[in-house]
Amino acid sequence: MTTGSHVMSVGAGDSVQLDCEFEATTFNLFDNPVLWRKTQGAEHTQVNMMGNVLEPFVALRRFAVDFVPKPPSYTLWLHIAGQSSSF
């Protein structure tokens, strides 16, 4: 399953929460891992593997993943904490 693109407008340093909701009659997280991928230009980077945030994102300590199974509905959230910038 792949979700379509979404456009979000946020200010510099703002936090954002992305969500992916889906329904399945049978679902196993180990057979069908749910993950976030970052695409920027031609670069594709995997953000998480199930509930674990991967490098380089984990080192930033700004990313968190939540998975909520409520069969037959499932929700995966990616939380990106804002970061203040001083210029």
N, C-alpha and C. Protein backbone atom coordinates (compact mmCIF):
# COMPACT_ATOMS: atom_id res chain seq x y z
N MET A 1 0.85 -1.17 0.00
CA MET A 1 0.00 0.00 0.00
C MET A 1 0.89 1.23 0.00
N THR A 2 0.57 2.17 -0.81
CA THR A 2 1.27 3.44 -0.84
C THR A 2 0.22 4.54 -0.81
N THR A 3 0.43 5.53 0.05
CA THR A 3 -0.50 6.64 0.08
C THR A 3 -0.01 7.73 -0.86
N GLY A 4 -0.90 8.57 -1.27
CA GLY A 4 -0.55 9.65 -2.18
C GLY A 4 0.14 10.79 -1.46
N SER A 5 0.62 11.72 -2.23
CA SER A 5 1.32 12.87 -1.67
C SER A 5 0.33 13.82 -1.00
N HIS A 6 0.82 14.48 0.02
CA HIS A 6 0.05 15.51 0.70
C HIS A 6 0.93 16.74 0.80
N VAL A 7 0.31 17.90 0.76
CA VAL A 7 1.04 19.14 0.92
C VAL A 7 0.64 19.75 2.24
N MET A 8 1.64 20.06 3.08
CA MET A 8 1.39 20.71 4.36
C MET A 8 2.23 21.97 4.40
N SER A 9 1.62 23.05 4.80
CA SER A 9 2.35 24.31 4.95
C SER A 9 2.57 24.57 6.43
N VAL A 10 3.83 24.61 6.84
CA VAL A 10 4.17 24.88 8.24
C VAL A 10 5.28 25.91 8.25
N GLY A 11 5.35 26.61 9.36
CA GLY A 11 6.40 27.61 9.52
C GLY A 11 7.70 26.96 9.99
N ALA A 12 8.80 27.67 9.81
CA ALA A 12 10.09 27.17 10.27
C ALA A 12 10.03 26.92 11.78
N GLY A 13 10.44 25.74 12.19
CA GLY A 13 10.45 25.39 13.60
C GLY A 13 9.15 24.81 14.12
N ASP A 14 8.11 24.74 13.29
CA ASP A 14 6.83 24.17 13.73
C ASP A 14 6.90 22.66 13.79
N SER A 15 6.06 22.08 14.65
CA SER A 15 5.91 20.63 14.72
C SER A 15 4.85 20.19 13.72
N VAL A 16 4.93 18.93 13.32
CA VAL A 16 3.93 18.39 12.39
C VAL A 16 3.68 16.93 12.73
N GLN A 17 2.45 16.48 12.47
CA GLN A 17 2.09 15.08 12.68
C GLN A 17 1.49 14.56 11.39
N LEU A 18 2.09 13.51 10.85
CA LEU A 18 1.59 12.88 9.64
C LEU A 18 0.90 11.59 10.02
N ASP A 19 -0.19 11.27 9.36
CA ASP A 19 -0.88 10.03 9.69
C ASP A 19 -1.23 9.25 8.44
N CYS A 20 -1.27 7.95 8.62
CA CYS A 20 -1.67 7.03 7.56
C CYS A 20 -2.67 6.06 8.18
N GLU A 21 -3.88 6.05 7.68
CA GLU A 21 -4.92 5.16 8.18
C GLU A 21 -5.26 4.15 7.09
N PHE A 22 -5.47 2.90 7.50
CA PHE A 22 -5.87 1.89 6.54
C PHE A 22 -6.69 0.82 7.24
N GLU A 23 -7.41 0.05 6.45
CA GLU A 23 -8.23 -1.05 6.97
C GLU A 23 -7.77 -2.35 6.33
N ALA A 24 -7.82 -3.42 7.12
CA ALA A 24 -7.44 -4.74 6.62
C ALA A 24 -8.19 -5.80 7.40
N THR A 25 -8.65 -6.82 6.70
CA THR A 25 -9.35 -7.91 7.39
C THR A 25 -8.37 -8.77 8.17
N THR A 26 -7.18 -8.98 7.62
CA THR A 26 -6.11 -9.67 8.35
C THR A 26 -4.84 -8.85 8.15
N PHE A 27 -4.10 -8.67 9.22
CA PHE A 27 -2.90 -7.85 9.15
C PHE A 27 -1.90 -8.33 10.19
N ASN A 28 -0.64 -8.47 9.78
CA ASN A 28 0.43 -8.86 10.68
C ASN A 28 1.59 -7.89 10.44
N LEU A 29 1.97 -7.16 11.49
CA LEU A 29 3.00 -6.14 11.38
C LEU A 29 4.35 -6.70 10.96
N PHE A 30 4.64 -7.94 11.30
CA PHE A 30 5.93 -8.53 10.93
C PHE A 30 5.95 -8.97 9.47
N ASP A 31 4.82 -9.44 8.95
CA ASP A 31 4.75 -9.82 7.54
C ASP A 31 4.56 -8.63 6.63
N ASN A 32 3.93 -7.58 7.15
CA ASN A 32 3.64 -6.37 6.39
C ASN A 32 4.08 -5.15 7.18
N PRO A 33 5.39 -4.92 7.32
CA PRO A 33 5.84 -3.78 8.11
C PRO A 33 5.35 -2.45 7.53
N VAL A 34 4.90 -1.58 8.40
CA VAL A 34 4.41 -0.27 7.99
C VAL A 34 5.53 0.73 8.24
N LEU A 35 5.84 1.53 7.23
CA LEU A 35 6.96 2.44 7.39
C LEU A 35 6.71 3.75 6.66
N TRP A 36 7.49 4.75 7.07
CA TRP A 36 7.47 6.05 6.41
C TRP A 36 8.72 6.15 5.54
N ARG A 37 8.59 6.76 4.38
CA ARG A 37 9.73 7.02 3.51
C ARG A 37 9.74 8.50 3.17
N LYS A 38 10.92 9.08 3.23
CA LYS A 38 11.10 10.47 2.85
C LYS A 38 11.62 10.51 1.42
N THR A 39 10.96 11.27 0.57
CA THR A 39 11.39 11.44 -0.81
C THR A 39 11.65 12.92 -1.04
N GLN A 40 12.84 13.22 -1.49
CA GLN A 40 13.20 14.60 -1.80
C GLN A 40 14.01 14.57 -3.08
N GLY A 41 13.42 15.07 -4.14
CA GLY A 41 14.06 14.97 -5.46
C GLY A 41 14.18 13.51 -5.84
N ALA A 42 15.37 13.07 -6.19
CA ALA A 42 15.60 11.67 -6.57
C ALA A 42 16.02 10.82 -5.38
N GLU A 43 16.14 11.42 -4.19
CA GLU A 43 16.59 10.70 -3.00
C GLU A 43 15.40 10.10 -2.25
N HIS A 44 15.51 8.81 -1.92
CA HIS A 44 14.46 8.10 -1.17
C HIS A 44 15.11 7.50 0.08
N THR A 45 14.61 7.87 1.26
CA THR A 45 15.19 7.42 2.52
C THR A 45 14.09 6.85 3.40
N GLN A 46 14.32 5.68 3.97
CA GLN A 46 13.35 5.07 4.89
C GLN A 46 13.53 5.70 6.27
N VAL A 47 12.43 6.16 6.88
CA VAL A 47 12.46 6.85 8.16
C VAL A 47 12.40 5.87 9.33
N ASN A 48 11.58 4.83 9.21
CA ASN A 48 11.39 3.90 10.33
C ASN A 48 11.25 2.47 9.85
N MET A 49 11.41 1.55 10.79
CA MET A 49 11.06 0.15 10.58
C MET A 49 10.13 -0.18 11.73
N MET A 50 8.86 -0.32 11.42
CA MET A 50 7.80 -0.48 12.42
C MET A 50 7.87 0.68 13.41
N GLY A 51 8.09 0.44 14.70
CA GLY A 51 8.10 1.53 15.68
C GLY A 51 9.45 2.16 15.92
N ASN A 52 10.49 1.70 15.22
CA ASN A 52 11.84 2.21 15.44
C ASN A 52 12.23 3.22 14.38
N VAL A 53 12.67 4.40 14.82
CA VAL A 53 13.15 5.43 13.91
C VAL A 53 14.60 5.09 13.53
N LEU A 54 14.93 5.19 12.26
CA LEU A 54 16.25 4.84 11.74
C LEU A 54 17.16 6.06 11.63
N GLU A 55 18.45 5.82 11.50
CA GLU A 55 19.41 6.89 11.22
C GLU A 55 19.17 7.40 9.81
N PRO A 56 19.40 8.64 9.53
CA PRO A 56 19.94 9.66 10.41
C PRO A 56 18.88 10.35 11.27
N PHE A 57 17.63 9.92 11.14
CA PHE A 57 16.51 10.60 11.82
C PHE A 57 16.53 10.41 13.33
N VAL A 58 16.93 9.23 13.81
CA VAL A 58 16.92 8.98 15.25
C VAL A 58 17.91 9.89 15.97
N ALA A 59 19.03 10.21 15.34
CA ALA A 59 20.05 11.05 15.96
C ALA A 59 19.54 12.48 16.20
N LEU A 60 18.58 12.91 15.41
CA LEU A 60 18.05 14.26 15.56
C LEU A 60 17.14 14.39 16.79
N ARG A 61 16.64 13.25 17.29
CA ARG A 61 15.75 13.22 18.46
C ARG A 61 14.50 14.08 18.27
N ARG A 62 14.05 14.21 17.02
CA ARG A 62 12.86 15.00 16.72
C ARG A 62 11.74 14.14 16.14
N PHE A 63 12.01 12.86 15.88
CA PHE A 63 11.06 12.00 15.20
C PHE A 63 10.55 10.92 16.14
N ALA A 64 9.26 10.63 16.07
CA ALA A 64 8.67 9.54 16.85
C ALA A 64 7.58 8.90 15.99
N VAL A 65 7.43 7.59 16.15
CA VAL A 65 6.44 6.84 15.38
C VAL A 65 5.49 6.15 16.35
N ASP A 66 4.20 6.21 16.07
CA ASP A 66 3.19 5.49 16.85
C ASP A 66 2.36 4.65 15.90
N PHE A 67 2.08 3.43 16.30
CA PHE A 67 1.23 2.54 15.53
C PHE A 67 0.09 2.11 16.43
N VAL A 68 -1.15 2.34 15.99
CA VAL A 68 -2.32 2.00 16.79
C VAL A 68 -3.18 1.00 16.01
N PRO A 69 -3.16 -0.28 16.44
CA PRO A 69 -4.01 -1.27 15.78
C PRO A 69 -5.37 -1.36 16.48
N LYS A 70 -6.42 -1.12 15.74
CA LYS A 70 -7.79 -1.31 16.22
C LYS A 70 -8.53 -2.04 15.10
N PRO A 71 -8.23 -3.34 14.93
CA PRO A 71 -8.77 -4.08 13.79
C PRO A 71 -10.28 -3.87 13.63
N PRO A 72 -10.71 -3.64 12.43
CA PRO A 72 -9.99 -3.73 11.17
C PRO A 72 -9.32 -2.42 10.75
N SER A 73 -9.28 -1.41 11.64
CA SER A 73 -8.64 -0.13 11.31
C SER A 73 -7.27 -0.04 11.97
N TYR A 74 -6.33 0.58 11.26
CA TYR A 74 -4.96 0.74 11.75
C TYR A 74 -4.51 2.16 11.42
N THR A 75 -3.73 2.74 12.33
CA THR A 75 -3.21 4.09 12.10
C THR A 75 -1.73 4.12 12.45
N LEU A 76 -0.95 4.72 11.57
CA LEU A 76 0.47 4.94 11.81
C LEU A 76 0.70 6.46 11.80
N TRP A 77 1.34 6.96 12.86
CA TRP A 77 1.65 8.39 12.96
C TRP A 77 3.14 8.61 12.93
N LEU A 78 3.55 9.67 12.28
CA LEU A 78 4.93 10.13 12.35
C LEU A 78 4.88 11.53 12.93
N HIS A 79 5.49 11.70 14.09
CA HIS A 79 5.55 13.00 14.77
C HIS A 79 6.93 13.60 14.52
N ILE A 80 6.95 14.82 14.05
CA ILE A 80 8.21 15.54 13.84
C ILE A 80 8.15 16.78 14.70
N ALA A 81 9.00 16.81 15.74
CA ALA A 81 9.01 17.93 16.68
C ALA A 81 9.65 19.15 16.02
N GLY A 82 9.07 20.29 16.30
CA GLY A 82 9.61 21.55 15.77
C GLY A 82 10.95 21.87 16.40
N GLN A 83 11.65 22.74 15.75
CA GLN A 83 12.96 23.13 16.23
C GLN A 83 13.11 24.62 15.99
N SER A 84 13.36 25.35 17.03
CA SER A 84 13.52 26.79 16.87
C SER A 84 14.84 27.09 16.17
N SER A 85 14.79 28.08 15.34
CA SER A 85 16.03 28.49 14.68
C SER A 85 16.29 29.95 15.01
N SER A 86 17.53 30.29 15.26
CA SER A 86 17.89 31.67 15.55
C SER A 86 18.87 32.15 14.49
N PHE A 87 18.50 33.21 13.82
CA PHE A 87 19.37 33.76 12.77
C PHE A 87 19.85 35.11 13.18
